Amino acid sequence: MKESKIFGVKYFVNTEPWLTGTNEELVAQFGKVTRVSGFPKGPWVTKSDAELSVLFACEFEKLGANKSVPYLLSIPKLPELNDFFEYSSVPLDSVNQDIRGLRVYCIRSLLVGKEGGYEYHKIRDEVIFGLIGSVKVVLEDLAGNHEEYIIDSKHAVRIPAGVMHSYHVLEQGSAIFVLANTLFDAKDATTHDSYSLDDWENIK
C-alpha cells in the first residue's frame, strides 16, 4: 500500500497487481454476468402527482449472500438498520415470487400541499430520506399510536411493515429518496405489497 494525498486528504493506493494467477484464477477475480440485474426505471406518476424513478434494484440472492449491502447497512452508525433484511415468512408465502431484495427509488418534483402514501405494507420496510425541501411523514400503528416526523436533508425515518403512513409536502419542489427491502413487479399485483387506507380501517 502507498500513501498519497489529494486536496490535503490522505488516502491509500494498492500498488500490488490485482490480476495475477492462472486463467481460472483470473476468471474468479472478475465479475460475472449472472450477477447482472436489469430492472424497469420509470418514471411513474405517484399519488401526489410527482415522479417516481427507480435508481437501483437487486434480488436478495444477488446481494452477496448477506455479506455486501446488508453488511454496509449494519455498520455501527446505522444500528436501526441491523435487521433491515429480516422478513416474516407468513406474508412472503402469499406472493407468487421472491420479492426480497434491495430497491432504491426517488420521488421528485413534489408540489407543496400535495399528499401521498396512505398505505401500509405487510412485508416491506422502508427508509425515507429527504433530498430537497421537506415533507411531513404521518404514522399510525394498529395500537392507535400516532407519530409525525419532518423529513429533510438532515433527517430520515424508517417505517417498518405494518405501519400506516402518508406524507405531506411542505416545500415546493421537494424530493425524497427511499430505501426498500422488497422488489416490485408492475405486472404482478401480488408483489406490490401495498394496502390502502380502506384496508387499514377494516383491520383496525
N, C-alpha and C. Protein backbone atom coordinates (compact mmCIF):
# COMPACT_ATOMS: atom_id res chain seq x y z
N MET A 1 0.84 -1.20 0.00
CA MET A 1 0.00 0.00 0.00
C MET A 1 0.88 1.25 0.00
N LYS A 2 0.45 2.26 -0.72
CA LYS A 2 1.20 3.51 -0.81
C LYS A 2 0.30 4.66 -0.37
N GLU A 3 0.85 5.52 0.51
CA GLU A 3 0.08 6.66 1.00
C GLU A 3 0.20 7.82 0.02
N SER A 4 -0.93 8.45 -0.30
CA SER A 4 -0.95 9.61 -1.18
C SER A 4 -1.85 10.67 -0.58
N LYS A 5 -1.83 11.85 -1.19
CA LYS A 5 -2.69 12.94 -0.73
C LYS A 5 -3.36 13.60 -1.93
N ILE A 6 -4.60 14.01 -1.73
CA ILE A 6 -5.28 14.82 -2.73
C ILE A 6 -6.11 15.86 -1.99
N PHE A 7 -5.91 17.11 -2.33
CA PHE A 7 -6.55 18.23 -1.63
C PHE A 7 -6.30 18.14 -0.13
N GLY A 8 -5.11 17.66 0.23
CA GLY A 8 -4.73 17.61 1.64
C GLY A 8 -5.30 16.44 2.41
N VAL A 9 -6.06 15.57 1.73
CA VAL A 9 -6.66 14.41 2.41
C VAL A 9 -5.85 13.16 2.09
N LYS A 10 -5.48 12.43 3.13
CA LYS A 10 -4.70 11.22 2.94
C LYS A 10 -5.58 10.08 2.44
N TYR A 11 -5.05 9.29 1.53
CA TYR A 11 -5.71 8.06 1.12
C TYR A 11 -4.63 7.07 0.74
N PHE A 12 -4.99 5.81 0.61
CA PHE A 12 -4.01 4.76 0.34
C PHE A 12 -4.31 4.11 -0.99
N VAL A 13 -3.24 3.83 -1.73
CA VAL A 13 -3.35 3.21 -3.04
C VAL A 13 -2.72 1.83 -2.98
N ASN A 14 -3.44 0.83 -3.47
CA ASN A 14 -2.89 -0.52 -3.53
C ASN A 14 -1.99 -0.62 -4.75
N THR A 15 -0.70 -0.77 -4.52
CA THR A 15 0.26 -0.82 -5.63
C THR A 15 0.51 -2.25 -6.11
N GLU A 16 -0.11 -3.23 -5.45
CA GLU A 16 0.08 -4.62 -5.87
C GLU A 16 -0.84 -4.93 -7.05
N PRO A 17 -0.34 -5.67 -8.06
CA PRO A 17 -1.21 -6.04 -9.19
C PRO A 17 -2.34 -6.94 -8.73
N TRP A 18 -3.56 -6.63 -9.16
CA TRP A 18 -4.70 -7.44 -8.72
C TRP A 18 -5.02 -8.56 -9.68
N LEU A 19 -4.50 -8.49 -10.92
CA LEU A 19 -4.75 -9.54 -11.90
C LEU A 19 -3.55 -10.48 -11.93
N THR A 20 -3.59 -11.52 -11.14
CA THR A 20 -2.50 -12.48 -11.08
C THR A 20 -3.07 -13.88 -11.05
N GLY A 21 -2.25 -14.86 -11.48
CA GLY A 21 -2.65 -16.26 -11.38
C GLY A 21 -2.98 -16.88 -12.72
N THR A 22 -3.52 -18.09 -12.67
CA THR A 22 -3.88 -18.83 -13.87
C THR A 22 -5.14 -18.24 -14.49
N ASN A 23 -5.50 -18.74 -15.69
CA ASN A 23 -6.72 -18.26 -16.34
C ASN A 23 -7.94 -18.47 -15.45
N GLU A 24 -8.01 -19.65 -14.80
CA GLU A 24 -9.15 -19.93 -13.93
C GLU A 24 -9.21 -18.96 -12.76
N GLU A 25 -8.03 -18.63 -12.21
CA GLU A 25 -7.98 -17.70 -11.09
C GLU A 25 -8.34 -16.29 -11.53
N LEU A 26 -7.94 -15.93 -12.76
CA LEU A 26 -8.29 -14.60 -13.28
C LEU A 26 -9.80 -14.48 -13.47
N VAL A 27 -10.40 -15.54 -14.00
CA VAL A 27 -11.85 -15.54 -14.20
C VAL A 27 -12.56 -15.34 -12.86
N ALA A 28 -12.03 -15.96 -11.82
CA ALA A 28 -12.65 -15.85 -10.50
C ALA A 28 -12.56 -14.45 -9.94
N GLN A 29 -11.55 -13.65 -10.39
CA GLN A 29 -11.37 -12.30 -9.88
C GLN A 29 -12.28 -11.29 -10.57
N PHE A 30 -12.84 -11.66 -11.72
CA PHE A 30 -13.72 -10.75 -12.44
C PHE A 30 -15.17 -10.93 -12.01
N GLY A 31 -16.00 -9.96 -12.35
CA GLY A 31 -17.43 -10.08 -12.11
C GLY A 31 -18.04 -11.11 -13.03
N LYS A 32 -19.29 -11.47 -12.78
CA LYS A 32 -19.96 -12.49 -13.57
C LYS A 32 -21.27 -11.94 -14.12
N VAL A 33 -21.60 -12.37 -15.34
CA VAL A 33 -22.83 -11.94 -15.99
C VAL A 33 -24.04 -12.35 -15.16
N THR A 34 -23.93 -13.48 -14.45
CA THR A 34 -25.07 -13.95 -13.65
C THR A 34 -25.40 -13.01 -12.50
N ARG A 35 -24.51 -12.07 -12.19
CA ARG A 35 -24.78 -11.11 -11.12
C ARG A 35 -25.34 -9.79 -11.66
N VAL A 36 -25.54 -9.74 -12.98
CA VAL A 36 -26.10 -8.53 -13.59
C VAL A 36 -27.62 -8.58 -13.46
N SER A 37 -28.21 -7.48 -13.05
CA SER A 37 -29.67 -7.41 -12.90
C SER A 37 -30.22 -6.22 -13.68
N GLY A 38 -31.21 -6.49 -14.51
CA GLY A 38 -31.91 -5.40 -15.17
C GLY A 38 -33.20 -5.10 -14.42
N PHE A 39 -33.68 -3.87 -14.51
CA PHE A 39 -34.91 -3.51 -13.81
C PHE A 39 -35.54 -2.30 -14.48
N PRO A 40 -36.89 -2.21 -14.47
CA PRO A 40 -37.55 -1.03 -15.03
C PRO A 40 -37.29 0.18 -14.15
N LYS A 41 -37.02 1.31 -14.78
CA LYS A 41 -36.60 2.51 -14.05
C LYS A 41 -37.71 3.54 -13.87
N GLY A 42 -38.70 3.53 -14.75
CA GLY A 42 -39.74 4.55 -14.68
C GLY A 42 -39.40 5.73 -15.60
N PRO A 43 -39.88 6.93 -15.28
CA PRO A 43 -40.63 7.31 -14.07
C PRO A 43 -42.11 6.95 -14.14
N TRP A 44 -42.70 6.83 -12.95
CA TRP A 44 -44.13 6.62 -12.81
C TRP A 44 -44.72 7.79 -12.03
N VAL A 45 -45.98 8.09 -12.30
CA VAL A 45 -46.66 9.17 -11.59
C VAL A 45 -47.18 8.62 -10.26
N THR A 46 -46.92 9.34 -9.17
CA THR A 46 -47.34 8.90 -7.84
C THR A 46 -48.71 9.46 -7.48
N LYS A 47 -49.22 9.05 -6.32
CA LYS A 47 -50.50 9.57 -5.83
C LYS A 47 -50.44 11.07 -5.58
N SER A 48 -49.22 11.57 -5.34
CA SER A 48 -49.06 13.01 -5.08
C SER A 48 -48.73 13.78 -6.35
N ASP A 49 -48.93 13.14 -7.52
CA ASP A 49 -48.67 13.78 -8.83
C ASP A 49 -47.21 14.14 -9.02
N ALA A 50 -46.32 13.39 -8.41
CA ALA A 50 -44.88 13.58 -8.59
C ALA A 50 -44.34 12.44 -9.45
N GLU A 51 -43.01 12.39 -9.63
CA GLU A 51 -42.39 11.35 -10.45
C GLU A 51 -41.59 10.40 -9.57
N LEU A 52 -41.82 9.09 -9.76
CA LEU A 52 -41.06 8.07 -9.05
C LEU A 52 -40.14 7.37 -10.03
N SER A 53 -38.84 7.39 -9.75
CA SER A 53 -37.85 6.72 -10.59
C SER A 53 -37.05 5.74 -9.75
N VAL A 54 -36.93 4.50 -10.23
CA VAL A 54 -36.12 3.50 -9.54
C VAL A 54 -34.66 3.72 -9.91
N LEU A 55 -33.82 3.84 -8.89
CA LEU A 55 -32.39 4.08 -9.10
C LEU A 55 -31.60 2.79 -9.05
N PHE A 56 -32.08 1.81 -8.28
CA PHE A 56 -31.35 0.55 -8.12
C PHE A 56 -32.31 -0.51 -7.63
N ALA A 57 -32.15 -1.73 -8.15
CA ALA A 57 -32.94 -2.86 -7.66
C ALA A 57 -32.12 -4.13 -7.82
N CYS A 58 -32.09 -4.94 -6.77
CA CYS A 58 -31.29 -6.16 -6.80
C CYS A 58 -31.97 -7.23 -5.97
N GLU A 59 -32.02 -8.46 -6.51
CA GLU A 59 -32.62 -9.57 -5.79
C GLU A 59 -31.81 -9.90 -4.54
N PHE A 60 -32.49 -10.43 -3.54
CA PHE A 60 -31.86 -10.78 -2.26
C PHE A 60 -30.68 -11.73 -2.47
N GLU A 61 -30.86 -12.73 -3.34
CA GLU A 61 -29.81 -13.73 -3.55
C GLU A 61 -28.58 -13.15 -4.23
N LYS A 62 -28.73 -12.00 -4.89
CA LYS A 62 -27.59 -11.39 -5.59
C LYS A 62 -26.92 -10.30 -4.78
N LEU A 63 -27.32 -10.14 -3.54
CA LEU A 63 -26.71 -9.11 -2.70
C LEU A 63 -25.40 -9.57 -2.08
N GLY A 64 -24.95 -10.76 -2.45
CA GLY A 64 -23.66 -11.23 -1.94
C GLY A 64 -23.81 -12.10 -0.72
N ALA A 65 -24.83 -12.95 -0.70
CA ALA A 65 -25.05 -13.89 0.40
C ALA A 65 -25.01 -13.18 1.75
N ASN A 66 -25.69 -12.02 1.82
CA ASN A 66 -25.79 -11.25 3.07
C ASN A 66 -24.46 -10.69 3.54
N LYS A 67 -23.50 -10.53 2.63
CA LYS A 67 -22.19 -10.05 3.06
C LYS A 67 -21.86 -8.65 2.53
N SER A 68 -22.59 -8.17 1.54
CA SER A 68 -22.22 -6.89 0.95
C SER A 68 -23.14 -5.77 1.41
N VAL A 69 -24.23 -5.54 0.68
CA VAL A 69 -25.12 -4.45 1.04
C VAL A 69 -25.70 -4.61 2.44
N PRO A 70 -26.19 -5.80 2.82
CA PRO A 70 -26.68 -5.92 4.20
C PRO A 70 -25.61 -5.57 5.22
N TYR A 71 -24.37 -5.94 4.95
CA TYR A 71 -23.29 -5.61 5.88
C TYR A 71 -23.12 -4.10 5.97
N LEU A 72 -23.15 -3.43 4.83
CA LEU A 72 -22.98 -1.98 4.83
C LEU A 72 -24.10 -1.29 5.59
N LEU A 73 -25.30 -1.87 5.55
CA LEU A 73 -26.43 -1.29 6.26
C LEU A 73 -26.37 -1.57 7.76
N SER A 74 -25.44 -2.41 8.18
CA SER A 74 -25.35 -2.78 9.59
C SER A 74 -24.15 -2.16 10.29
N ILE A 75 -23.53 -1.15 9.67
CA ILE A 75 -22.39 -0.51 10.29
C ILE A 75 -22.84 0.20 11.55
N PRO A 76 -21.94 0.40 12.52
CA PRO A 76 -22.34 0.97 13.81
C PRO A 76 -23.10 2.28 13.73
N LYS A 77 -22.86 3.08 12.69
CA LYS A 77 -23.54 4.36 12.59
C LYS A 77 -25.02 4.20 12.26
N LEU A 78 -25.43 3.01 11.81
CA LEU A 78 -26.82 2.79 11.43
C LEU A 78 -27.38 1.56 12.15
N PRO A 79 -27.37 1.55 13.47
CA PRO A 79 -27.87 0.37 14.18
C PRO A 79 -29.34 0.11 13.92
N GLU A 80 -30.09 1.14 13.52
CA GLU A 80 -31.52 0.97 13.25
C GLU A 80 -31.77 0.06 12.05
N LEU A 81 -30.73 -0.18 11.24
CA LEU A 81 -30.91 -0.99 10.03
C LEU A 81 -30.34 -2.39 10.18
N ASN A 82 -29.95 -2.79 11.38
CA ASN A 82 -29.32 -4.09 11.57
C ASN A 82 -30.22 -5.25 11.13
N ASP A 83 -31.54 -5.08 11.24
CA ASP A 83 -32.46 -6.16 10.87
C ASP A 83 -33.24 -5.82 9.60
N PHE A 84 -32.68 -4.96 8.77
CA PHE A 84 -33.40 -4.49 7.58
C PHE A 84 -33.72 -5.63 6.61
N PHE A 85 -32.90 -6.67 6.59
CA PHE A 85 -33.12 -7.78 5.67
C PHE A 85 -33.66 -9.02 6.38
N GLU A 86 -34.42 -8.81 7.43
CA GLU A 86 -35.14 -9.89 8.09
C GLU A 86 -36.61 -9.77 7.70
N TYR A 87 -37.22 -10.91 7.39
CA TYR A 87 -38.59 -10.89 6.86
C TYR A 87 -39.48 -11.87 7.63
N SER A 88 -40.77 -11.58 7.63
CA SER A 88 -41.76 -12.50 8.18
C SER A 88 -42.16 -13.49 7.10
N SER A 89 -42.14 -14.77 7.41
CA SER A 89 -42.40 -15.80 6.40
C SER A 89 -43.88 -15.88 6.01
N VAL A 90 -44.78 -15.49 6.89
CA VAL A 90 -46.21 -15.64 6.61
C VAL A 90 -46.65 -14.81 5.40
N PRO A 91 -46.42 -13.48 5.37
CA PRO A 91 -46.84 -12.73 4.17
C PRO A 91 -46.04 -13.09 2.93
N LEU A 92 -44.79 -13.53 3.09
CA LEU A 92 -43.99 -13.92 1.93
C LEU A 92 -44.61 -15.10 1.20
N ASP A 93 -45.26 -15.99 1.94
CA ASP A 93 -45.86 -17.18 1.34
C ASP A 93 -47.02 -16.85 0.42
N SER A 94 -47.58 -15.64 0.54
CA SER A 94 -48.73 -15.27 -0.28
C SER A 94 -48.33 -14.60 -1.59
N VAL A 95 -47.03 -14.45 -1.82
CA VAL A 95 -46.52 -13.78 -3.02
C VAL A 95 -46.08 -14.82 -4.04
N ASN A 96 -46.35 -14.56 -5.32
CA ASN A 96 -46.04 -15.52 -6.38
C ASN A 96 -44.55 -15.68 -6.64
N GLN A 97 -43.74 -14.73 -6.22
CA GLN A 97 -42.30 -14.79 -6.45
C GLN A 97 -41.57 -14.20 -5.25
N ASP A 98 -40.29 -14.49 -5.18
CA ASP A 98 -39.49 -13.98 -4.06
C ASP A 98 -39.24 -12.49 -4.28
N ILE A 99 -39.81 -11.64 -3.44
CA ILE A 99 -39.64 -10.19 -3.62
C ILE A 99 -38.62 -9.61 -2.65
N ARG A 100 -37.92 -10.47 -1.90
CA ARG A 100 -36.87 -9.96 -1.02
C ARG A 100 -35.76 -9.36 -1.86
N GLY A 101 -35.21 -8.25 -1.41
CA GLY A 101 -34.13 -7.62 -2.15
C GLY A 101 -33.95 -6.19 -1.70
N LEU A 102 -33.19 -5.45 -2.50
CA LEU A 102 -32.95 -4.04 -2.21
C LEU A 102 -33.42 -3.21 -3.39
N ARG A 103 -34.27 -2.24 -3.11
CA ARG A 103 -34.76 -1.33 -4.15
C ARG A 103 -34.59 0.09 -3.64
N VAL A 104 -34.05 0.93 -4.49
CA VAL A 104 -33.83 2.33 -4.15
C VAL A 104 -34.56 3.18 -5.17
N TYR A 105 -35.40 4.08 -4.70
CA TYR A 105 -36.09 4.94 -5.66
C TYR A 105 -36.19 6.36 -5.13
N CYS A 106 -36.47 7.26 -6.06
CA CYS A 106 -36.54 8.68 -5.75
C CYS A 106 -37.90 9.21 -6.22
N ILE A 107 -38.52 10.03 -5.38
CA ILE A 107 -39.75 10.74 -5.77
C ILE A 107 -39.41 12.22 -5.79
N ARG A 108 -39.54 12.84 -6.95
CA ARG A 108 -39.12 14.23 -7.09
C ARG A 108 -40.24 15.07 -7.68
N SER A 109 -39.96 16.36 -7.77
CA SER A 109 -40.94 17.33 -8.30
C SER A 109 -42.22 17.33 -7.48
N LEU A 110 -42.08 17.17 -6.17
CA LEU A 110 -43.24 17.20 -5.28
C LEU A 110 -43.76 18.63 -5.14
N LEU A 111 -45.06 18.78 -5.22
CA LEU A 111 -45.69 20.10 -5.15
C LEU A 111 -46.18 20.37 -3.73
N VAL A 112 -45.93 21.59 -3.25
CA VAL A 112 -46.32 21.94 -1.89
C VAL A 112 -47.83 21.74 -1.70
N GLY A 113 -48.20 21.14 -0.57
CA GLY A 113 -49.61 20.89 -0.29
C GLY A 113 -50.11 19.53 -0.75
N LYS A 114 -49.34 18.85 -1.61
CA LYS A 114 -49.76 17.54 -2.09
C LYS A 114 -49.53 16.48 -1.01
N GLU A 115 -50.28 15.38 -1.11
CA GLU A 115 -50.15 14.28 -0.16
C GLU A 115 -49.98 12.97 -0.92
N GLY A 116 -49.29 12.03 -0.29
CA GLY A 116 -49.09 10.72 -0.91
C GLY A 116 -49.03 9.64 0.14
N GLY A 117 -48.89 8.41 -0.33
CA GLY A 117 -48.85 7.28 0.60
C GLY A 117 -50.24 6.82 0.95
N TYR A 118 -50.63 7.02 2.22
CA TYR A 118 -51.88 6.49 2.76
C TYR A 118 -51.96 4.99 2.47
N GLU A 119 -50.90 4.29 2.87
CA GLU A 119 -50.80 2.86 2.64
C GLU A 119 -49.96 2.22 3.73
N TYR A 120 -50.03 0.91 3.79
CA TYR A 120 -49.14 0.15 4.67
C TYR A 120 -48.69 -1.10 3.92
N HIS A 121 -47.67 -1.76 4.44
CA HIS A 121 -47.11 -2.94 3.80
C HIS A 121 -47.05 -4.08 4.81
N LYS A 122 -47.20 -5.31 4.33
CA LYS A 122 -47.11 -6.47 5.21
C LYS A 122 -45.70 -7.04 5.26
N ILE A 123 -44.91 -6.78 4.22
CA ILE A 123 -43.56 -7.33 4.12
C ILE A 123 -42.51 -6.22 4.14
N ARG A 124 -42.76 -5.17 3.43
CA ARG A 124 -41.75 -4.15 3.14
C ARG A 124 -41.44 -3.22 4.31
N ASP A 125 -40.16 -3.06 4.57
CA ASP A 125 -39.65 -1.98 5.42
C ASP A 125 -39.10 -0.90 4.49
N GLU A 126 -39.25 0.36 4.87
CA GLU A 126 -38.75 1.46 4.06
C GLU A 126 -37.99 2.45 4.93
N VAL A 127 -36.98 3.06 4.35
CA VAL A 127 -36.30 4.19 4.98
C VAL A 127 -36.46 5.37 4.04
N ILE A 128 -37.01 6.47 4.54
CA ILE A 128 -37.24 7.66 3.71
C ILE A 128 -36.24 8.74 4.11
N PHE A 129 -35.48 9.21 3.12
CA PHE A 129 -34.51 10.28 3.32
C PHE A 129 -35.00 11.52 2.58
N GLY A 130 -34.78 12.69 3.15
CA GLY A 130 -35.07 13.92 2.44
C GLY A 130 -33.90 14.32 1.57
N LEU A 131 -34.16 14.71 0.34
CA LEU A 131 -33.11 15.19 -0.56
C LEU A 131 -33.18 16.70 -0.72
N ILE A 132 -34.35 17.18 -1.09
CA ILE A 132 -34.57 18.61 -1.33
C ILE A 132 -35.86 19.01 -0.62
N GLY A 133 -35.87 20.18 -0.01
CA GLY A 133 -37.09 20.65 0.64
C GLY A 133 -37.42 19.84 1.87
N SER A 134 -38.71 19.67 2.15
CA SER A 134 -39.12 18.92 3.34
C SER A 134 -40.53 18.37 3.16
N VAL A 135 -40.77 17.23 3.80
CA VAL A 135 -42.10 16.63 3.83
C VAL A 135 -42.39 16.18 5.26
N LYS A 136 -43.65 16.15 5.61
CA LYS A 136 -44.07 15.62 6.90
C LYS A 136 -44.58 14.20 6.70
N VAL A 137 -44.05 13.26 7.48
CA VAL A 137 -44.49 11.87 7.41
C VAL A 137 -45.36 11.58 8.64
N VAL A 138 -46.57 11.09 8.40
CA VAL A 138 -47.51 10.78 9.47
C VAL A 138 -47.67 9.26 9.57
N LEU A 139 -47.51 8.72 10.79
CA LEU A 139 -47.51 7.28 11.01
C LEU A 139 -48.59 6.88 12.01
N GLU A 140 -49.16 5.69 11.81
CA GLU A 140 -50.14 5.14 12.75
C GLU A 140 -49.96 3.63 12.82
N ASP A 141 -50.00 3.06 14.02
CA ASP A 141 -49.95 1.60 14.15
C ASP A 141 -51.30 1.07 14.62
N LEU A 142 -51.44 -0.26 14.66
CA LEU A 142 -52.73 -0.86 15.00
C LEU A 142 -53.12 -0.65 16.45
N ALA A 143 -52.16 -0.27 17.28
CA ALA A 143 -52.47 0.01 18.69
C ALA A 143 -53.04 1.41 18.86
N GLY A 144 -53.11 2.18 17.75
CA GLY A 144 -53.65 3.53 17.82
C GLY A 144 -52.63 4.60 18.10
N ASN A 145 -51.34 4.23 18.11
CA ASN A 145 -50.28 5.23 18.33
C ASN A 145 -50.04 6.03 17.06
N HIS A 146 -49.78 7.32 17.22
CA HIS A 146 -49.52 8.21 16.09
C HIS A 146 -48.18 8.93 16.30
N GLU A 147 -47.44 9.10 15.21
CA GLU A 147 -46.20 9.88 15.25
C GLU A 147 -46.11 10.71 13.98
N GLU A 148 -45.44 11.85 14.07
CA GLU A 148 -45.17 12.69 12.90
C GLU A 148 -43.68 13.03 12.87
N TYR A 149 -43.11 13.01 11.67
CA TYR A 149 -41.70 13.36 11.50
C TYR A 149 -41.57 14.33 10.33
N ILE A 150 -40.69 15.29 10.47
CA ILE A 150 -40.34 16.17 9.35
C ILE A 150 -39.08 15.62 8.72
N ILE A 151 -39.17 15.28 7.44
CA ILE A 151 -38.04 14.71 6.71
C ILE A 151 -37.45 15.78 5.81
N ASP A 152 -36.15 16.03 5.98
CA ASP A 152 -35.44 16.97 5.12
C ASP A 152 -34.04 16.42 4.87
N SER A 153 -33.12 17.25 4.38
CA SER A 153 -31.78 16.76 4.03
C SER A 153 -30.98 16.27 5.23
N LYS A 154 -31.44 16.57 6.44
CA LYS A 154 -30.71 16.15 7.64
C LYS A 154 -31.44 15.07 8.44
N HIS A 155 -32.63 14.68 8.00
CA HIS A 155 -33.42 13.74 8.78
C HIS A 155 -34.03 12.66 7.89
N ALA A 156 -34.09 11.45 8.44
CA ALA A 156 -34.69 10.31 7.75
C ALA A 156 -35.55 9.55 8.75
N VAL A 157 -36.38 8.66 8.25
CA VAL A 157 -37.22 7.84 9.13
C VAL A 157 -37.35 6.45 8.54
N ARG A 158 -37.28 5.44 9.41
CA ARG A 158 -37.52 4.06 8.98
C ARG A 158 -38.96 3.69 9.33
N ILE A 159 -39.66 3.15 8.34
CA ILE A 159 -41.06 2.74 8.54
C ILE A 159 -41.14 1.22 8.43
N PRO A 160 -41.41 0.53 9.52
CA PRO A 160 -41.50 -0.93 9.47
C PRO A 160 -42.79 -1.40 8.82
N ALA A 161 -42.80 -2.66 8.41
CA ALA A 161 -44.03 -3.25 7.88
C ALA A 161 -45.13 -3.17 8.93
N GLY A 162 -46.37 -2.98 8.47
CA GLY A 162 -47.49 -2.95 9.39
C GLY A 162 -47.79 -1.60 9.99
N VAL A 163 -47.21 -0.54 9.43
CA VAL A 163 -47.47 0.82 9.92
C VAL A 163 -48.08 1.65 8.78
N MET A 164 -49.27 2.19 9.01
CA MET A 164 -49.89 3.08 8.03
C MET A 164 -49.09 4.37 7.95
N HIS A 165 -48.84 4.84 6.72
CA HIS A 165 -48.05 6.06 6.59
C HIS A 165 -48.52 6.90 5.40
N SER A 166 -48.35 8.19 5.57
CA SER A 166 -48.63 9.14 4.49
C SER A 166 -47.59 10.25 4.57
N TYR A 167 -47.42 10.97 3.46
CA TYR A 167 -46.51 12.12 3.51
C TYR A 167 -47.21 13.35 2.95
N HIS A 168 -46.80 14.49 3.47
CA HIS A 168 -47.43 15.77 3.14
C HIS A 168 -46.32 16.74 2.78
N VAL A 169 -46.38 17.28 1.57
CA VAL A 169 -45.29 18.11 1.05
C VAL A 169 -45.35 19.51 1.67
N LEU A 170 -44.24 19.92 2.27
CA LEU A 170 -44.18 21.22 2.95
C LEU A 170 -43.51 22.30 2.11
N GLU A 171 -42.66 21.90 1.15
CA GLU A 171 -41.95 22.88 0.33
C GLU A 171 -42.04 22.50 -1.14
N GLN A 172 -42.22 23.51 -1.97
CA GLN A 172 -42.32 23.30 -3.41
C GLN A 172 -41.03 22.68 -3.95
N GLY A 173 -41.20 21.66 -4.83
CA GLY A 173 -40.04 21.04 -5.46
C GLY A 173 -39.29 20.07 -4.58
N SER A 174 -39.91 19.64 -3.49
CA SER A 174 -39.25 18.70 -2.58
C SER A 174 -38.99 17.37 -3.29
N ALA A 175 -38.02 16.62 -2.76
CA ALA A 175 -37.70 15.29 -3.30
C ALA A 175 -37.29 14.39 -2.15
N ILE A 176 -37.70 13.12 -2.22
CA ILE A 176 -37.32 12.15 -1.20
C ILE A 176 -36.67 10.94 -1.86
N PHE A 177 -35.87 10.25 -1.08
CA PHE A 177 -35.09 9.10 -1.51
C PHE A 177 -35.51 7.95 -0.61
N VAL A 178 -35.92 6.82 -1.20
CA VAL A 178 -36.48 5.73 -0.41
C VAL A 178 -35.68 4.45 -0.61
N LEU A 179 -35.35 3.81 0.50
CA LEU A 179 -34.67 2.52 0.52
C LEU A 179 -35.69 1.49 0.95
N ALA A 180 -35.95 0.47 0.13
CA ALA A 180 -36.95 -0.56 0.44
C ALA A 180 -36.31 -1.94 0.40
N ASN A 181 -36.80 -2.84 1.24
CA ASN A 181 -36.21 -4.18 1.28
C ASN A 181 -37.03 -5.21 0.50
N THR A 182 -37.86 -4.72 -0.45
CA THR A 182 -38.58 -5.62 -1.35
C THR A 182 -38.50 -5.09 -2.78
N LEU A 183 -38.66 -6.01 -3.73
CA LEU A 183 -38.72 -5.65 -5.14
C LEU A 183 -40.18 -5.47 -5.55
N PHE A 184 -40.40 -5.07 -6.80
CA PHE A 184 -41.74 -4.69 -7.25
C PHE A 184 -41.86 -5.05 -8.72
N ASP A 185 -42.81 -5.91 -9.05
CA ASP A 185 -43.08 -6.27 -10.43
C ASP A 185 -44.41 -5.65 -10.81
N ALA A 186 -44.37 -4.65 -11.68
CA ALA A 186 -45.60 -3.92 -12.03
C ALA A 186 -46.66 -4.83 -12.62
N LYS A 187 -46.24 -5.95 -13.24
CA LYS A 187 -47.19 -6.86 -13.88
C LYS A 187 -47.77 -7.90 -12.93
N ASP A 188 -47.23 -7.99 -11.73
CA ASP A 188 -47.68 -9.00 -10.77
C ASP A 188 -48.17 -8.30 -9.50
N ALA A 189 -49.48 -8.18 -9.36
CA ALA A 189 -50.06 -7.42 -8.24
C ALA A 189 -49.70 -8.01 -6.88
N THR A 190 -49.39 -9.31 -6.82
CA THR A 190 -49.06 -9.90 -5.52
C THR A 190 -47.73 -9.37 -4.98
N THR A 191 -46.89 -8.82 -5.85
CA THR A 191 -45.60 -8.30 -5.40
C THR A 191 -45.68 -6.86 -4.91
N HIS A 192 -46.81 -6.21 -5.12
CA HIS A 192 -46.90 -4.78 -4.80
C HIS A 192 -46.88 -4.52 -3.30
N ASP A 193 -47.46 -5.41 -2.53
CA ASP A 193 -47.41 -5.32 -1.06
C ASP A 193 -47.79 -3.93 -0.55
N SER A 194 -48.78 -3.32 -1.16
CA SER A 194 -49.27 -2.02 -0.71
C SER A 194 -50.77 -2.13 -0.46
N TYR A 195 -51.21 -1.71 0.71
CA TYR A 195 -52.60 -1.84 1.11
C TYR A 195 -53.14 -0.47 1.49
N SER A 196 -54.37 -0.21 1.09
CA SER A 196 -54.94 1.14 1.16
C SER A 196 -55.43 1.50 2.55
N LEU A 197 -55.80 2.77 2.68
CA LEU A 197 -56.38 3.27 3.93
C LEU A 197 -57.68 2.54 4.26
N ASP A 198 -58.46 2.19 3.23
CA ASP A 198 -59.70 1.44 3.47
C ASP A 198 -59.40 0.07 4.08
N ASP A 199 -58.37 -0.60 3.54
CA ASP A 199 -57.96 -1.89 4.11
C ASP A 199 -57.55 -1.73 5.57
N TRP A 200 -56.83 -0.64 5.83
CA TRP A 200 -56.36 -0.37 7.19
C TRP A 200 -57.54 -0.19 8.15
N GLU A 201 -58.52 0.57 7.72
CA GLU A 201 -59.68 0.82 8.58
C GLU A 201 -60.44 -0.47 8.87
N ASN A 202 -60.42 -1.40 7.91
CA ASN A 202 -61.14 -2.66 8.08
C ASN A 202 -60.48 -3.59 9.09
N ILE A 203 -59.16 -3.46 9.27
CA ILE A 203 -58.47 -4.37 10.19
C ILE A 203 -58.24 -3.74 11.56
N LYS A 204 -58.54 -2.46 11.69
CA LYS A 204 -58.33 -1.79 12.99
C LYS A 204 -59.32 -2.30 14.05
